[in-house]
Amino acid sequence: MSFFVELWNSVFTPGTSPQLIIATNLSFLALIITLIWLIVQTNGNIHFIILLSIATILWITVIWFINELKSVKLMTNEELGTEETKNKDVNTETQAKKASGVSKSSTKKISSRKV
């Protein structure tokens, strides 16, 4: 398959793919080159210098985030569904205990009083 077909398919799959990382880096590189060219053409306009620094920091941050994603195990839809079911069960039990009435600690306080 061609690079662009792989890039298009990677948009619909979880995680990062090599094509997506390459496209991201090429996009940021084009932005950086354009901003450097604008800085040279405008004799060091402060606005373009600030935009260059923001773009560089953003590129570094995106690279860091991609590396963090690589180190984390992504869950499939089935795993997310089973985890969601477990969380609902725990929440249902907690709500049932709350709805059953007064807690044990408050019943002890009430029973220890002299009438």
Protein backbone atom coordinates (compact mmCIF):
# COMPACT_ATOMS: atom_id res chain seq x y z
CA MET A 1 0.00 0.00 0.00
CA SER A 2 1.07 3.56 -0.50
CA PHE A 3 2.05 5.91 2.28
CA PHE A 4 -1.15 7.94 2.01
CA VAL A 5 -3.42 4.90 2.13
CA GLU A 6 -1.63 3.68 5.25
CA LEU A 7 -1.88 7.18 6.73
CA TRP A 8 -5.62 7.29 6.03
CA ASN A 9 -6.15 3.85 7.60
CA SER A 10 -4.12 4.80 10.67
CA VAL A 11 -6.60 7.56 11.45
CA PHE A 12 -9.25 4.92 12.22
CA THR A 13 -7.10 2.64 14.36
CA PRO A 14 -6.23 3.28 18.01
CA GLY A 15 -2.69 4.27 18.89
CA THR A 16 -0.02 5.66 16.64
CA SER A 17 1.35 4.23 13.44
CA PRO A 18 4.70 4.93 11.77
CA GLN A 19 2.91 6.76 8.93
CA LEU A 20 1.10 9.04 11.35
CA ILE A 21 4.32 9.88 13.18
CA ILE A 22 6.12 10.60 9.91
CA ALA A 23 3.27 12.83 8.70
CA THR A 24 3.23 14.69 12.03
CA ASN A 25 6.98 15.27 11.95
CA LEU A 26 6.90 16.40 8.31
CA SER A 27 4.06 18.83 9.07
CA PHE A 28 5.93 20.36 11.98
CA LEU A 29 9.14 20.51 9.94
CA ALA A 30 7.30 22.38 7.16
CA LEU A 31 5.86 24.79 9.74
CA ILE A 32 9.29 25.42 11.31
CA ILE A 33 10.91 26.00 7.91
CA THR A 34 8.13 28.40 6.92
CA LEU A 35 8.47 30.36 10.15
CA ILE A 36 12.26 30.57 9.78
CA TRP A 37 11.81 31.82 6.22
CA LEU A 38 9.32 34.45 7.46
CA ILE A 39 11.73 35.53 10.21
CA VAL A 40 14.47 36.03 7.61
CA GLN A 41 12.16 37.87 5.19
CA THR A 42 10.80 40.22 7.87
CA ASN A 43 14.23 40.96 9.39
CA GLY A 44 13.49 39.22 12.66
CA ASN A 45 9.88 40.17 13.33
CA ILE A 46 9.22 39.38 16.99
CA HIS A 47 5.82 37.87 16.20
CA PHE A 48 7.33 35.21 13.95
CA ILE A 49 10.07 34.52 16.49
CA ILE A 50 7.44 33.91 19.16
CA LEU A 51 5.42 31.73 16.78
CA LEU A 52 8.58 29.74 16.01
CA SER A 53 9.22 29.14 19.69
CA ILE A 54 5.59 28.10 20.28
CA ALA A 55 5.68 25.72 17.31
CA THR A 56 8.97 24.21 18.49
CA ILE A 57 7.66 23.67 22.01
CA LEU A 58 4.47 22.14 20.60
CA TRP A 59 6.48 19.77 18.39
CA ILE A 60 8.59 18.66 21.35
CA THR A 61 5.44 18.14 23.42
CA VAL A 62 3.77 16.07 20.68
CA ILE A 63 6.88 13.88 20.35
CA TRP A 64 6.91 13.36 24.13
CA PHE A 65 3.20 12.45 24.11
CA ILE A 66 3.67 9.95 21.28
CA ASN A 67 6.49 8.30 23.22
CA GLU A 68 4.26 8.10 26.29
CA LEU A 69 1.53 6.45 24.21
CA LYS A 70 4.01 3.83 23.06
CA SER A 71 4.79 2.88 26.66
CA VAL A 72 1.13 2.48 27.69
CA LYS A 73 -0.94 -0.56 26.77
CA LEU A 74 -4.05 0.54 24.89
CA MET A 75 -7.25 -1.33 25.70
CA THR A 76 -9.51 -2.81 23.04
CA ASN A 77 -13.22 -2.06 22.89
CA GLU A 78 -13.98 -5.45 24.46
CA GLU A 79 -11.65 -4.75 27.39
CA LEU A 80 -13.21 -1.34 27.87
CA GLY A 81 -16.68 -2.91 27.85
CA THR A 82 -15.81 -5.47 30.53
CA GLU A 83 -14.18 -2.80 32.69
CA GLU A 84 -17.24 -0.58 32.32
CA THR A 85 -19.48 -3.48 33.37
CA LYS A 86 -17.36 -4.08 36.48
CA ASN A 87 -17.55 -0.40 37.40
CA LYS A 88 -21.35 -0.43 37.02
CA ASP A 89 -21.60 -3.48 39.29
CA VAL A 90 -19.51 -1.80 41.98
CA ASN A 91 -21.54 1.40 41.72
CA THR A 92 -24.81 -0.55 41.93
CA GLU A 93 -23.67 -2.32 45.11
CA THR A 94 -22.57 0.98 46.66
CA GLN A 95 -25.87 2.63 45.81
CA ALA A 96 -27.81 -0.33 47.20
CA LYS A 97 -25.97 -0.04 50.52
CA LYS A 98 -26.70 3.67 50.68
CA ALA A 99 -30.35 3.15 49.82
CA SER A 100 -30.81 0.41 52.44
CA GLY A 101 -30.99 2.96 55.20
CA VAL A 102 -28.81 4.11 58.04
CA SER A 103 -25.19 3.02 58.22
CA LYS A 104 -23.92 0.65 60.92
CA SER A 105 -22.00 3.36 62.78
CA SER A 106 -25.07 5.53 63.20
CA THR A 107 -27.18 2.56 64.38
CA LYS A 108 -24.61 1.84 67.09
CA LYS A 109 -24.81 5.43 68.30
CA ILE A 110 -28.58 5.29 68.41
CA SER A 111 -28.70 1.95 70.26
CA SER A 112 -26.19 3.08 72.89
CA ARG A 113 -28.37 5.96 74.05
CA LYS A 114 -30.51 5.55 77.15
CA VAL A 115 -34.16 6.13 76.67
